[in-house]
């Protein structure tokens, strides 16, 4: 393990052997596409991942459990990157997903 790594689990492995690894790019791409298509229900996403891709996950990483203040800050941070305010809600949600991996709900 790298001496600068402070994580106890740098490879993202855990007790859920069938789940993809942390920061899996394929999963990120699939979740982004689902989000783009307006699919945000965690149970539906888990079902689609299993049926369409053979991937077992308990749920998509969402902001459901985050405090409202944290969700608000995610939006404000994204809006700060758009000083002309040309991005609508849909693009802001997509940008938050792309930048943070959080599915804003």
N, C-alpha and C. Protein backbone atom coordinates (compact mmCIF):
# COMPACT_ATOMS: atom_id res chain seq x y z
N UNK A 1 0.85 -1.17 0.00
CA UNK A 1 0.00 0.00 0.00
C UNK A 1 0.89 1.23 0.00
N UNK A 2 0.50 2.22 -0.76
CA UNK A 2 1.23 3.48 -0.87
C UNK A 2 1.25 4.17 0.50
N UNK A 3 2.38 4.73 0.86
CA UNK A 3 2.49 5.37 2.16
C UNK A 3 1.62 6.61 2.27
N UNK A 4 1.21 7.17 1.13
CA UNK A 4 0.36 8.36 1.15
C UNK A 4 -1.13 8.03 1.18
N UNK A 5 -1.47 6.76 0.95
CA UNK A 5 -2.86 6.34 0.91
C UNK A 5 -3.39 6.21 2.33
N UNK A 6 -4.43 6.94 2.66
CA UNK A 6 -4.99 6.90 4.01
C UNK A 6 -6.22 6.00 4.08
N UNK A 7 -6.64 5.43 2.96
CA UNK A 7 -7.82 4.58 2.94
C UNK A 7 -7.50 3.21 3.50
N UNK A 8 -8.45 2.65 4.23
CA UNK A 8 -8.31 1.28 4.72
C UNK A 8 -8.67 0.27 3.64
N UNK A 9 -9.29 0.76 2.57
CA UNK A 9 -9.74 -0.12 1.50
C UNK A 9 -9.52 0.57 0.15
N UNK A 10 -8.26 0.79 -0.25
CA UNK A 10 -7.99 1.56 -1.47
C UNK A 10 -8.49 0.92 -2.75
N UNK A 11 -8.67 -0.40 -2.77
CA UNK A 11 -9.13 -1.08 -3.97
C UNK A 11 -10.65 -1.14 -4.05
N UNK A 12 -11.35 -0.72 -2.99
CA UNK A 12 -12.80 -0.70 -3.00
C UNK A 12 -13.45 -2.07 -2.84
N UNK A 13 -12.70 -3.04 -2.39
CA UNK A 13 -13.27 -4.37 -2.18
C UNK A 13 -13.98 -4.42 -0.84
N UNK A 14 -15.09 -5.16 -0.81
CA UNK A 14 -15.82 -5.30 0.45
C UNK A 14 -16.46 -6.67 0.52
N UNK A 15 -17.36 -6.86 1.45
CA UNK A 15 -17.97 -8.17 1.66
C UNK A 15 -18.97 -8.52 0.58
N UNK A 16 -19.31 -7.58 -0.30
CA UNK A 16 -20.27 -7.84 -1.37
C UNK A 16 -19.50 -8.23 -2.63
N UNK A 17 -19.15 -9.52 -2.73
CA UNK A 17 -18.26 -9.99 -3.78
C UNK A 17 -18.83 -9.81 -5.18
N UNK A 18 -20.15 -9.75 -5.33
CA UNK A 18 -20.75 -9.62 -6.66
C UNK A 18 -20.88 -8.17 -7.11
N UNK A 19 -20.64 -7.23 -6.23
CA UNK A 19 -20.74 -5.81 -6.59
C UNK A 19 -19.49 -5.37 -7.33
N UNK A 20 -19.67 -4.46 -8.29
CA UNK A 20 -18.49 -3.92 -8.98
C UNK A 20 -17.60 -3.14 -8.04
N UNK A 21 -16.37 -2.92 -8.44
CA UNK A 21 -15.44 -2.16 -7.62
C UNK A 21 -15.81 -0.69 -7.57
N UNK A 22 -15.32 -0.04 -6.55
CA UNK A 22 -15.51 1.39 -6.38
C UNK A 22 -14.94 2.11 -7.61
N UNK A 23 -15.63 3.14 -8.07
CA UNK A 23 -15.23 3.96 -9.22
C UNK A 23 -15.15 3.18 -10.53
N UNK A 24 -15.96 2.13 -10.68
CA UNK A 24 -16.01 1.36 -11.92
C UNK A 24 -16.56 2.25 -13.03
N UNK A 25 -15.79 2.45 -14.09
CA UNK A 25 -16.18 3.37 -15.17
C UNK A 25 -17.39 2.87 -15.96
N UNK A 26 -17.52 1.55 -16.13
CA UNK A 26 -18.68 1.01 -16.83
C UNK A 26 -19.96 1.32 -16.05
N UNK A 27 -19.92 1.11 -14.74
CA UNK A 27 -21.08 1.40 -13.90
C UNK A 27 -21.42 2.89 -13.97
N UNK A 28 -20.41 3.72 -13.91
CA UNK A 28 -20.64 5.17 -13.99
C UNK A 28 -21.32 5.53 -15.31
N UNK A 29 -20.85 4.93 -16.41
CA UNK A 29 -21.43 5.19 -17.72
C UNK A 29 -22.89 4.72 -17.77
N UNK A 30 -23.17 3.54 -17.27
CA UNK A 30 -24.52 2.99 -17.28
C UNK A 30 -25.45 3.85 -16.42
N UNK A 31 -24.99 4.20 -15.20
CA UNK A 31 -25.82 5.02 -14.31
C UNK A 31 -26.08 6.40 -14.91
N UNK A 32 -25.09 6.95 -15.58
CA UNK A 32 -25.26 8.25 -16.23
C UNK A 32 -26.33 8.14 -17.32
N UNK A 33 -26.30 7.05 -18.08
CA UNK A 33 -27.31 6.86 -19.13
C UNK A 33 -28.70 6.71 -18.53
N UNK A 34 -28.82 5.93 -17.46
CA UNK A 34 -30.12 5.79 -16.79
C UNK A 34 -30.61 7.15 -16.31
N UNK A 35 -29.72 7.91 -15.71
CA UNK A 35 -30.07 9.23 -15.20
C UNK A 35 -30.51 10.13 -16.36
N UNK A 36 -29.79 10.08 -17.47
CA UNK A 36 -30.13 10.87 -18.66
C UNK A 36 -31.52 10.49 -19.17
N UNK A 37 -31.87 9.21 -19.05
CA UNK A 37 -33.18 8.72 -19.49
C UNK A 37 -34.27 8.96 -18.45
N UNK A 38 -33.92 9.59 -17.34
CA UNK A 38 -34.91 9.91 -16.31
C UNK A 38 -35.20 8.77 -15.35
N UNK A 39 -34.40 7.74 -15.37
CA UNK A 39 -34.59 6.61 -14.45
C UNK A 39 -33.81 6.90 -13.18
N UNK A 40 -34.53 7.16 -12.09
CA UNK A 40 -33.86 7.52 -10.84
C UNK A 40 -34.25 6.64 -9.66
N UNK A 41 -35.23 5.77 -9.84
CA UNK A 41 -35.66 4.90 -8.75
C UNK A 41 -34.58 3.85 -8.47
N UNK A 42 -34.10 3.81 -7.23
CA UNK A 42 -33.00 2.92 -6.88
C UNK A 42 -33.31 1.46 -7.13
N UNK A 43 -34.53 1.03 -6.81
CA UNK A 43 -34.89 -0.37 -7.03
C UNK A 43 -34.95 -0.70 -8.51
N UNK A 44 -35.48 0.23 -9.30
CA UNK A 44 -35.54 0.00 -10.75
C UNK A 44 -34.14 -0.04 -11.35
N UNK A 45 -33.25 0.83 -10.89
CA UNK A 45 -31.88 0.83 -11.38
C UNK A 45 -31.19 -0.50 -11.05
N UNK A 46 -31.36 -0.96 -9.83
CA UNK A 46 -30.76 -2.24 -9.43
C UNK A 46 -31.29 -3.38 -10.30
N UNK A 47 -32.60 -3.35 -10.55
CA UNK A 47 -33.22 -4.39 -11.39
C UNK A 47 -32.68 -4.32 -12.82
N UNK A 48 -32.62 -3.12 -13.40
CA UNK A 48 -32.11 -2.96 -14.76
C UNK A 48 -30.65 -3.39 -14.88
N UNK A 49 -29.85 -3.04 -13.88
CA UNK A 49 -28.44 -3.46 -13.89
C UNK A 49 -28.33 -4.98 -13.93
N UNK A 50 -29.16 -5.65 -13.17
CA UNK A 50 -29.14 -7.11 -13.10
C UNK A 50 -29.60 -7.73 -14.41
N UNK A 51 -30.75 -7.24 -14.93
CA UNK A 51 -31.34 -7.83 -16.13
C UNK A 51 -30.55 -7.48 -17.39
N UNK A 52 -30.19 -6.21 -17.55
CA UNK A 52 -29.56 -5.76 -18.79
C UNK A 52 -28.05 -6.03 -18.85
N UNK A 53 -27.40 -6.04 -17.67
CA UNK A 53 -25.94 -6.13 -17.68
C UNK A 53 -25.38 -7.25 -16.81
N UNK A 54 -26.25 -7.96 -16.10
CA UNK A 54 -25.79 -9.03 -15.23
C UNK A 54 -24.99 -8.53 -14.04
N UNK A 55 -25.24 -7.27 -13.64
CA UNK A 55 -24.51 -6.65 -12.54
C UNK A 55 -25.40 -6.60 -11.31
N UNK A 56 -24.89 -7.12 -10.20
CA UNK A 56 -25.65 -7.11 -8.96
C UNK A 56 -25.18 -5.96 -8.08
N UNK A 57 -26.10 -5.07 -7.78
CA UNK A 57 -25.82 -3.96 -6.86
C UNK A 57 -27.03 -3.80 -5.96
N UNK A 58 -26.77 -3.35 -4.76
CA UNK A 58 -27.88 -3.13 -3.84
C UNK A 58 -28.64 -1.88 -4.19
N UNK A 59 -27.96 -0.81 -4.56
CA UNK A 59 -28.64 0.43 -4.96
C UNK A 59 -27.64 1.35 -5.62
N UNK A 60 -28.16 2.30 -6.36
CA UNK A 60 -27.30 3.32 -6.96
C UNK A 60 -26.93 4.33 -5.88
N UNK A 61 -25.74 4.87 -6.01
CA UNK A 61 -25.33 5.90 -5.06
C UNK A 61 -26.18 7.12 -5.34
N UNK A 62 -26.98 7.51 -4.38
CA UNK A 62 -27.85 8.66 -4.57
C UNK A 62 -27.67 9.62 -3.41
N UNK A 63 -28.30 10.75 -3.55
CA UNK A 63 -28.23 11.75 -2.48
C UNK A 63 -29.39 11.60 -1.52
N UNK A 64 -30.13 10.52 -1.65
CA UNK A 64 -31.32 10.32 -0.83
C UNK A 64 -31.04 10.48 0.67
N UNK A 65 -29.92 9.97 1.13
CA UNK A 65 -29.61 10.02 2.56
C UNK A 65 -28.79 11.24 2.97
N UNK A 66 -28.39 12.05 2.00
CA UNK A 66 -27.62 13.25 2.33
C UNK A 66 -28.53 14.32 2.93
N UNK A 67 -28.00 15.12 3.83
CA UNK A 67 -28.80 16.23 4.36
C UNK A 67 -29.14 17.23 3.26
N UNK A 68 -30.25 17.92 3.44
CA UNK A 68 -30.70 18.91 2.45
C UNK A 68 -29.62 19.96 2.21
N UNK A 69 -28.92 20.34 3.26
CA UNK A 69 -27.87 21.36 3.11
C UNK A 69 -26.75 20.88 2.18
N UNK A 70 -26.42 19.61 2.23
CA UNK A 70 -25.40 19.05 1.35
C UNK A 70 -25.89 19.01 -0.10
N UNK A 71 -27.15 18.60 -0.30
CA UNK A 71 -27.72 18.60 -1.64
C UNK A 71 -27.73 20.01 -2.21
N UNK A 72 -28.13 20.95 -1.39
CA UNK A 72 -28.18 22.35 -1.81
C UNK A 72 -26.79 22.83 -2.23
N UNK A 73 -25.77 22.43 -1.46
CA UNK A 73 -24.41 22.84 -1.77
C UNK A 73 -23.93 22.23 -3.08
N UNK A 74 -24.31 20.98 -3.36
CA UNK A 74 -23.96 20.37 -4.64
C UNK A 74 -24.53 21.18 -5.80
N UNK A 75 -25.78 21.62 -5.66
CA UNK A 75 -26.41 22.43 -6.70
C UNK A 75 -25.72 23.78 -6.81
N UNK A 76 -25.47 24.42 -5.68
CA UNK A 76 -24.82 25.74 -5.70
C UNK A 76 -23.43 25.67 -6.32
N UNK A 77 -22.68 24.63 -5.99
CA UNK A 77 -21.35 24.45 -6.57
C UNK A 77 -21.43 24.31 -8.08
N UNK A 78 -22.44 23.56 -8.53
CA UNK A 78 -22.59 23.37 -9.97
C UNK A 78 -23.03 24.66 -10.65
N UNK A 79 -23.93 25.40 -10.03
CA UNK A 79 -24.39 26.67 -10.59
C UNK A 79 -23.25 27.68 -10.66
N UNK A 80 -22.33 27.62 -9.73
CA UNK A 80 -21.19 28.53 -9.73
C UNK A 80 -20.30 28.30 -10.96
N UNK A 81 -20.34 27.11 -11.52
CA UNK A 81 -19.56 26.80 -12.71
C UNK A 81 -20.26 27.27 -13.99
N UNK A 82 -21.47 27.79 -13.84
CA UNK A 82 -22.25 28.27 -14.98
C UNK A 82 -22.66 29.73 -14.71
N UNK A 83 -21.72 30.66 -14.80
CA UNK A 83 -22.00 32.05 -14.43
C UNK A 83 -23.07 32.72 -15.29
N UNK A 84 -23.29 32.24 -16.51
CA UNK A 84 -24.33 32.84 -17.37
C UNK A 84 -25.69 32.18 -17.16
N UNK A 85 -25.75 31.19 -16.28
CA UNK A 85 -26.99 30.48 -15.93
C UNK A 85 -27.70 29.94 -17.17
N UNK A 86 -26.96 29.27 -18.00
CA UNK A 86 -27.52 28.69 -19.22
C UNK A 86 -27.95 27.25 -19.05
N UNK A 87 -27.52 26.61 -17.97
CA UNK A 87 -27.88 25.21 -17.73
C UNK A 87 -29.18 25.14 -16.95
N UNK A 88 -30.09 24.32 -17.45
CA UNK A 88 -31.35 24.10 -16.75
C UNK A 88 -31.20 22.99 -15.73
N UNK A 89 -32.28 22.65 -15.04
CA UNK A 89 -32.24 21.62 -13.99
C UNK A 89 -31.71 20.28 -14.47
N UNK A 90 -32.11 19.87 -15.67
CA UNK A 90 -31.67 18.58 -16.19
C UNK A 90 -30.16 18.54 -16.37
N UNK A 91 -29.59 19.59 -16.96
CA UNK A 91 -28.14 19.63 -17.17
C UNK A 91 -27.39 19.76 -15.86
N UNK A 92 -27.96 20.48 -14.90
CA UNK A 92 -27.33 20.61 -13.58
C UNK A 92 -27.26 19.24 -12.92
N UNK A 93 -28.36 18.48 -12.98
CA UNK A 93 -28.37 17.13 -12.39
C UNK A 93 -27.34 16.23 -13.07
N UNK A 94 -27.27 16.30 -14.40
CA UNK A 94 -26.29 15.49 -15.12
C UNK A 94 -24.86 15.87 -14.75
N UNK A 95 -24.62 17.18 -14.62
CA UNK A 95 -23.28 17.64 -14.27
C UNK A 95 -22.89 17.19 -12.86
N UNK A 96 -23.83 17.23 -11.94
CA UNK A 96 -23.56 16.77 -10.57
C UNK A 96 -23.22 15.28 -10.59
N UNK A 97 -23.97 14.52 -11.38
CA UNK A 97 -23.71 13.07 -11.49
C UNK A 97 -22.32 12.84 -12.08
N UNK A 98 -21.99 13.59 -13.13
CA UNK A 98 -20.70 13.40 -13.79
C UNK A 98 -19.53 13.82 -12.89
N UNK A 99 -19.70 14.91 -12.17
CA UNK A 99 -18.60 15.44 -11.33
C UNK A 99 -18.42 14.68 -10.02
N UNK A 100 -19.54 14.28 -9.41
CA UNK A 100 -19.44 13.71 -8.06
C UNK A 100 -19.83 12.24 -7.98
N UNK A 101 -20.56 11.75 -8.99
CA UNK A 101 -21.06 10.39 -8.91
C UNK A 101 -22.35 10.28 -8.10
N UNK A 102 -22.85 11.40 -7.60
CA UNK A 102 -24.09 11.41 -6.83
C UNK A 102 -25.27 11.64 -7.74
N UNK A 103 -26.28 10.81 -7.60
CA UNK A 103 -27.51 10.95 -8.34
C UNK A 103 -28.44 11.83 -7.51
N UNK A 104 -28.63 13.04 -7.94
CA UNK A 104 -29.43 14.00 -7.18
C UNK A 104 -30.89 13.63 -7.25
N UNK A 105 -31.47 13.41 -6.08
CA UNK A 105 -32.89 13.02 -6.02
C UNK A 105 -33.65 14.01 -5.19
